[in-house]
């Protein structure tokens, strides 16, 4: 699964810590999501999408084989 979390953060000019605090996870979790090493739960993906005011599908993109 790909994601645009880092791009969305840059648009809003916020840090990983800012986003982590807003959605209730650690900064390391946001870092892992951005790096593609961690696929967030449905609830976390929805929280992140809500924070950015976008549908989850606009931020988290399924790839072939997912």
N, C-alpha and C. Protein backbone atom coordinates (compact mmCIF):
# COMPACT_ATOMS: atom_id res chain seq x y z
N UNK A 1 0.84 -1.17 0.00
CA UNK A 1 0.00 0.00 0.00
C UNK A 1 0.89 1.24 0.00
N UNK A 2 0.62 2.14 -0.90
CA UNK A 2 1.29 3.43 -0.91
C UNK A 2 0.46 4.44 -0.15
N UNK A 3 1.08 5.56 0.21
CA UNK A 3 0.32 6.61 0.87
C UNK A 3 0.94 7.97 0.56
N UNK A 4 0.16 8.99 0.79
CA UNK A 4 0.60 10.37 0.54
C UNK A 4 0.67 11.17 1.84
N UNK A 5 0.86 10.49 2.95
CA UNK A 5 0.86 11.17 4.25
C UNK A 5 1.95 12.24 4.30
N UNK A 6 3.14 11.93 3.84
CA UNK A 6 4.24 12.91 3.89
C UNK A 6 3.90 14.14 3.05
N UNK A 7 3.30 13.93 1.90
CA UNK A 7 2.90 15.05 1.03
C UNK A 7 1.82 15.88 1.71
N UNK A 8 0.84 15.22 2.30
CA UNK A 8 -0.24 15.93 2.99
C UNK A 8 0.31 16.74 4.16
N UNK A 9 1.28 16.19 4.87
CA UNK A 9 1.91 16.92 5.97
C UNK A 9 2.63 18.16 5.46
N UNK A 10 3.32 18.01 4.34
CA UNK A 10 4.05 19.15 3.76
C UNK A 10 3.08 20.25 3.34
N UNK A 11 1.96 19.87 2.77
CA UNK A 11 0.95 20.85 2.35
C UNK A 11 0.45 21.64 3.56
N UNK A 12 0.22 20.94 4.66
CA UNK A 12 -0.27 21.60 5.88
C UNK A 12 0.85 22.20 6.72
N UNK A 13 2.09 21.92 6.33
CA UNK A 13 3.27 22.41 7.05
C UNK A 13 3.24 21.99 8.52
N UNK A 14 3.07 20.67 8.73
CA UNK A 14 3.08 20.12 10.08
C UNK A 14 4.15 19.04 10.19
N UNK A 15 4.59 18.79 11.40
CA UNK A 15 5.60 17.75 11.64
C UNK A 15 4.94 16.40 11.84
N UNK A 16 5.77 15.37 11.83
CA UNK A 16 5.26 14.04 12.15
C UNK A 16 4.68 14.04 13.55
N UNK A 17 5.33 14.74 14.47
CA UNK A 17 4.83 14.79 15.85
C UNK A 17 3.48 15.48 15.92
N UNK A 18 3.29 16.56 15.16
CA UNK A 18 1.99 17.25 15.13
C UNK A 18 0.88 16.29 14.71
N UNK A 19 1.13 15.55 13.64
CA UNK A 19 0.12 14.61 13.15
C UNK A 19 -0.10 13.48 14.15
N UNK A 20 0.99 12.97 14.69
CA UNK A 20 0.89 11.88 15.68
C UNK A 20 0.03 12.29 16.86
N UNK A 21 0.27 13.47 17.38
CA UNK A 21 -0.50 13.97 18.51
C UNK A 21 -1.96 14.12 18.15
N UNK A 22 -2.23 14.62 16.96
CA UNK A 22 -3.62 14.85 16.53
C UNK A 22 -4.41 13.55 16.40
N UNK A 23 -3.74 12.47 15.98
CA UNK A 23 -4.46 11.21 15.78
C UNK A 23 -4.21 10.17 16.88
N UNK A 24 -3.40 10.54 17.88
CA UNK A 24 -3.24 9.68 19.05
C UNK A 24 -2.28 8.52 18.90
N UNK A 25 -1.20 8.71 18.14
CA UNK A 25 -0.18 7.67 18.01
C UNK A 25 1.19 8.30 18.24
N UNK A 26 2.24 7.49 18.18
CA UNK A 26 3.59 8.01 18.35
C UNK A 26 4.12 8.58 17.03
N UNK A 27 5.13 9.41 17.14
CA UNK A 27 5.78 9.95 15.95
C UNK A 27 6.40 8.82 15.14
N UNK A 28 6.90 7.79 15.83
CA UNK A 28 7.51 6.65 15.15
C UNK A 28 6.48 5.92 14.28
N UNK A 29 5.24 5.87 14.73
CA UNK A 29 4.19 5.23 13.94
C UNK A 29 3.97 6.00 12.65
N UNK A 30 3.91 7.32 12.73
CA UNK A 30 3.73 8.14 11.52
C UNK A 30 4.92 7.96 10.60
N UNK A 31 6.12 7.93 11.16
CA UNK A 31 7.32 7.70 10.35
C UNK A 31 7.25 6.37 9.62
N UNK A 32 6.83 5.32 10.32
CA UNK A 32 6.73 3.99 9.71
C UNK A 32 5.67 3.94 8.62
N UNK A 33 4.56 4.63 8.83
CA UNK A 33 3.51 4.69 7.80
C UNK A 33 4.06 5.38 6.56
N UNK A 34 4.71 6.52 6.75
CA UNK A 34 5.25 7.27 5.61
C UNK A 34 6.29 6.45 4.84
N UNK A 35 7.09 5.67 5.56
CA UNK A 35 8.15 4.87 4.93
C UNK A 35 7.61 3.60 4.29
N UNK A 36 6.34 3.30 4.52
CA UNK A 36 5.74 2.11 3.94
C UNK A 36 6.01 0.85 4.72
N UNK A 37 6.57 0.98 5.91
CA UNK A 37 6.87 -0.19 6.73
C UNK A 37 5.74 -0.63 7.62
N UNK A 38 4.70 0.16 7.69
CA UNK A 38 3.57 -0.15 8.58
C UNK A 38 2.28 0.25 7.88
N UNK A 39 1.35 -0.68 7.82
CA UNK A 39 0.02 -0.41 7.27
C UNK A 39 -0.89 -0.10 8.44
N UNK A 40 -1.46 1.10 8.47
CA UNK A 40 -2.29 1.48 9.62
C UNK A 40 -3.59 0.69 9.67
N UNK A 41 -4.14 0.60 10.86
CA UNK A 41 -5.46 -0.01 11.02
C UNK A 41 -6.49 0.85 10.28
N UNK A 42 -7.63 0.30 10.06
CA UNK A 42 -8.71 1.06 9.41
C UNK A 42 -9.04 2.31 10.20
N UNK A 43 -9.13 2.17 11.52
CA UNK A 43 -9.46 3.31 12.37
C UNK A 43 -8.41 4.40 12.25
N UNK A 44 -7.13 4.03 12.30
CA UNK A 44 -6.07 5.02 12.19
C UNK A 44 -6.06 5.67 10.81
N UNK A 45 -6.25 4.89 9.78
CA UNK A 45 -6.29 5.45 8.42
C UNK A 45 -7.43 6.46 8.29
N UNK A 46 -8.58 6.15 8.88
CA UNK A 46 -9.71 7.07 8.83
C UNK A 46 -9.43 8.33 9.65
N UNK A 47 -8.77 8.19 10.78
CA UNK A 47 -8.42 9.37 11.59
C UNK A 47 -7.47 10.29 10.82
N UNK A 48 -6.48 9.69 10.17
CA UNK A 48 -5.53 10.49 9.39
C UNK A 48 -6.25 11.18 8.24
N UNK A 49 -7.09 10.45 7.54
CA UNK A 49 -7.85 11.04 6.43
C UNK A 49 -8.74 12.18 6.91
N UNK A 50 -9.41 11.97 8.02
CA UNK A 50 -10.28 13.02 8.58
C UNK A 50 -9.47 14.25 8.94
N UNK A 51 -8.30 14.05 9.52
CA UNK A 51 -7.44 15.17 9.89
C UNK A 51 -7.11 16.03 8.66
N UNK A 52 -6.83 15.37 7.55
CA UNK A 52 -6.49 16.10 6.33
C UNK A 52 -7.72 16.52 5.52
N UNK A 53 -8.90 16.10 5.95
CA UNK A 53 -10.13 16.49 5.26
C UNK A 53 -10.29 15.85 3.90
N UNK A 54 -9.80 14.62 3.78
CA UNK A 54 -9.87 13.89 2.51
C UNK A 54 -10.38 12.48 2.76
N UNK A 55 -10.91 11.84 1.71
CA UNK A 55 -11.29 10.43 1.87
C UNK A 55 -10.04 9.56 2.05
N UNK A 56 -10.18 8.49 2.77
CA UNK A 56 -9.05 7.59 3.01
C UNK A 56 -8.41 7.12 1.71
N UNK A 57 -9.22 6.89 0.70
CA UNK A 57 -8.71 6.40 -0.59
C UNK A 57 -7.82 7.43 -1.29
N UNK A 58 -7.93 8.70 -0.90
CA UNK A 58 -7.08 9.73 -1.49
C UNK A 58 -5.70 9.76 -0.84
N UNK A 59 -5.57 9.16 0.32
CA UNK A 59 -4.31 9.17 1.05
C UNK A 59 -3.64 7.79 1.04
N UNK A 60 -4.44 6.75 1.12
CA UNK A 60 -3.93 5.37 1.14
C UNK A 60 -4.35 4.67 -0.13
N UNK A 61 -3.36 4.26 -0.92
CA UNK A 61 -3.60 3.71 -2.26
C UNK A 61 -3.20 2.25 -2.31
N UNK A 62 -4.16 1.40 -2.63
CA UNK A 62 -3.87 -0.03 -2.78
C UNK A 62 -3.07 -0.25 -4.06
N UNK A 63 -2.11 -1.17 -3.98
CA UNK A 63 -1.34 -1.56 -5.14
C UNK A 63 -1.74 -2.97 -5.56
N UNK A 64 -1.41 -3.34 -6.76
CA UNK A 64 -1.65 -4.72 -7.18
C UNK A 64 -0.93 -5.65 -6.22
N UNK A 65 -1.59 -6.67 -5.80
CA UNK A 65 -1.01 -7.62 -4.87
C UNK A 65 -1.31 -7.33 -3.40
N UNK A 66 -1.88 -6.19 -3.11
CA UNK A 66 -2.24 -5.88 -1.72
C UNK A 66 -3.45 -6.69 -1.31
